[in-house]
Structures are given as structure tokens and as C-alpha cells.
Amino acid sequence: MKKRIFAPVIEKNLQLQFQEISAETELWRNRFGLFEPRGGDLVSARMLDIVLTPVVAFDTQNNRIGMGGGYFDRTFSFLRHRNEWFHPKIVGLAYACQKVEKIPPNPWDIRLFCAITE
């Protein structure tokens, strides 16, 4: 299908960049104990088409609660200023039991394009 897959890398400015990965990509643990690809060129979030992201909770308005570090909202802050979704489309991955009635959004929160459950 000739699709490319990118994994997030936490930069010193507390934003995410993305590095292409393959079966041969070497992974290492970052300062938070999370696996990141090592070596290779990094691309901006603006270059991605679809971003799959786990969520702690989500609602019917596509508001989300993440892991609390703010990396996601800082990285995708450029999406707040768009009137329409272009790219990347942010897709939340969750279990149906993580859906809640309402999440009051903060001004800096980035909404999901949609959420996918089992």
C-alpha cells in the first residue's frame, strides 16, 4: 500500500516531532521510559495525514483528556486556528467505556477528528 508510518519523538521544546519507522528501526527509552525511534530525519506534525493517539477519555463533541503532559496540545496547536479539518486528522483510540458525557475543554485543548473504539 506504500504507506509510511511515523512515531513521535519528544523534543527539548516539549513538542513532538515524528520519525519514520520500519521493522528495522532501532528503539530506545527516552527520559520518560517511553520507546522512541533512534536516528533518522524528523518531520513536523503538519506533514502527517492521520495521527492515531490513545486517550484517557473522550466525549461526543470529540473533546479528549490525554495523559496530562500537554505535548499533544502544544504540537497540534496550529489546528486550533483552522475553520475546517485539513490534516492531520487526529483519531483517538479508546475503549467504549472511556466515553464520557461531557468534557469541558480548556482554550488550549485540541479536539479529535473522531474516536475509534472496539
Protein backbone atom coordinates (compact mmCIF):
# COMPACT_ATOMS: atom_id res chain seq x y z
CA MET A 1 0.00 0.00 0.00
CA LYS A 2 3.10 2.23 0.15
CA LYS A 3 2.04 3.92 3.39
CA ARG A 4 4.65 5.47 5.65
CA ILE A 5 4.44 5.20 9.44
CA PHE A 6 5.88 7.77 11.82
CA ALA A 7 6.37 7.58 15.58
CA PRO A 8 6.53 10.55 17.96
CA VAL A 9 9.77 11.84 19.42
CA ILE A 10 9.71 14.34 22.30
CA GLU A 11 11.85 17.36 21.51
CA LYS A 12 13.58 19.64 24.02
CA ASN A 13 10.93 22.33 23.38
CA LEU A 14 8.34 19.86 24.77
CA GLN A 15 6.71 19.40 21.38
CA LEU A 16 6.51 16.25 19.31
CA GLN A 17 8.32 15.64 16.07
CA PHE A 18 7.79 12.47 14.09
CA GLN A 19 10.29 9.98 12.71
CA GLU A 20 9.60 7.34 10.10
CA ILE A 21 9.82 3.79 11.42
CA SER A 22 10.15 0.36 9.84
CA ALA A 23 10.75 -3.18 11.05
CA GLU A 24 14.48 -2.37 11.22
CA THR A 25 14.15 0.84 13.23
CA GLU A 26 16.12 0.86 16.47
CA LEU A 27 14.12 1.97 19.50
CA TRP A 28 15.43 3.40 22.77
CA ARG A 29 13.82 4.58 26.01
CA ASN A 30 13.55 8.33 26.42
CA ARG A 31 13.73 10.17 29.75
CA PHE A 32 10.12 9.15 30.49
CA GLY A 33 10.74 5.46 29.79
CA LEU A 34 8.81 5.54 26.51
CA PHE A 35 10.22 3.91 23.40
CA GLU A 36 11.24 6.29 20.60
CA PRO A 37 12.92 5.63 17.27
CA ARG A 38 16.62 6.44 17.18
CA GLY A 39 18.27 8.23 14.28
CA GLY A 40 16.73 9.38 11.01
CA ASP A 41 15.05 12.52 9.83
CA LEU A 42 12.30 14.15 11.83
CA VAL A 43 9.18 15.65 10.25
CA SER A 44 6.75 18.23 11.56
CA ALA A 45 3.23 17.31 12.68
CA ARG A 46 1.98 19.44 9.79
CA MET A 47 3.35 16.86 7.36
CA LEU A 48 1.19 13.99 8.63
CA ASP A 49 -2.17 12.89 7.22
CA ILE A 50 -3.59 10.85 10.11
CA VAL A 51 -2.46 10.72 13.74
CA LEU A 52 -3.62 7.84 15.94
CA THR A 53 -3.46 8.77 19.61
CA PRO A 54 -4.56 7.00 22.78
CA VAL A 55 -6.91 8.94 25.03
CA VAL A 56 -7.84 8.66 28.70
CA ALA A 57 -11.40 9.83 27.99
CA PHE A 58 -13.42 11.39 25.16
CA ASP A 59 -16.93 12.76 24.63
CA THR A 60 -19.45 13.12 21.79
CA GLN A 61 -18.06 16.56 20.89
CA ASN A 62 -14.62 14.97 20.27
CA ASN A 63 -13.07 16.63 23.29
CA ARG A 64 -10.40 14.50 24.89
CA ILE A 65 -8.40 14.01 28.03
CA GLY A 66 -4.84 12.95 27.36
CA MET A 67 -2.03 11.90 29.63
CA GLY A 68 -1.55 15.37 31.11
CA GLY A 69 1.82 16.47 29.74
CA GLY A 70 0.49 18.96 27.19
CA TYR A 71 2.77 17.64 24.42
CA PHE A 72 -0.15 16.83 22.16
CA ASP A 73 -1.86 20.22 22.55
CA ARG A 74 1.41 22.14 22.03
CA THR A 75 2.34 20.09 18.98
CA PHE A 76 -1.03 20.37 17.24
CA SER A 77 -1.88 23.92 18.37
CA PHE A 78 -1.88 25.06 14.73
CA LEU A 79 -5.14 23.12 14.26
CA ARG A 80 -7.00 25.48 16.65
CA HIS A 81 -6.87 28.27 14.10
CA ARG A 82 -8.47 26.34 11.24
CA ASN A 83 -12.10 26.58 10.25
CA GLU A 84 -12.04 23.17 8.57
CA TRP A 85 -10.07 19.99 9.14
CA PHE A 86 -7.32 19.58 6.61
CA HIS A 87 -4.52 17.49 8.01
CA PRO A 88 -3.55 15.82 10.08
CA LYS A 89 -6.80 14.24 11.14
CA ILE A 90 -6.46 13.34 14.83
CA VAL A 91 -8.08 9.98 15.62
CA GLY A 92 -8.46 8.95 19.25
CA LEU A 93 -8.08 5.29 20.18
CA ALA A 94 -10.04 4.15 23.22
CA TYR A 95 -12.36 1.56 24.69
CA ALA A 96 -16.09 2.37 24.62
CA CYS A 97 -16.06 2.55 28.44
CA GLN A 98 -13.77 5.61 28.17
CA LYS A 99 -16.55 7.67 26.57
CA VAL A 100 -17.99 10.22 28.99
CA GLU A 101 -20.96 12.54 28.76
CA LYS A 102 -19.06 15.84 28.61
CA ILE A 103 -15.50 17.07 28.92
CA PRO A 104 -15.30 20.85 29.45
CA PRO A 105 -12.50 21.92 27.09
CA ASN A 106 -9.75 24.35 28.00
CA PRO A 107 -8.89 27.09 25.48
CA TRP A 108 -5.66 25.27 24.51
CA ASP A 109 -7.22 21.82 24.01
CA ILE A 110 -7.10 20.24 20.57
CA ARG A 111 -10.19 18.22 19.68
CA LEU A 112 -10.18 14.90 17.94
CA PHE A 113 -11.43 14.43 14.39
CA CYS A 114 -13.10 11.27 15.70
CA ALA A 115 -12.61 8.46 18.21
CA ILE A 116 -12.47 4.74 17.41
CA THR A 117 -13.42 2.10 19.94
CA GLU A 118 -13.68 -1.66 19.89
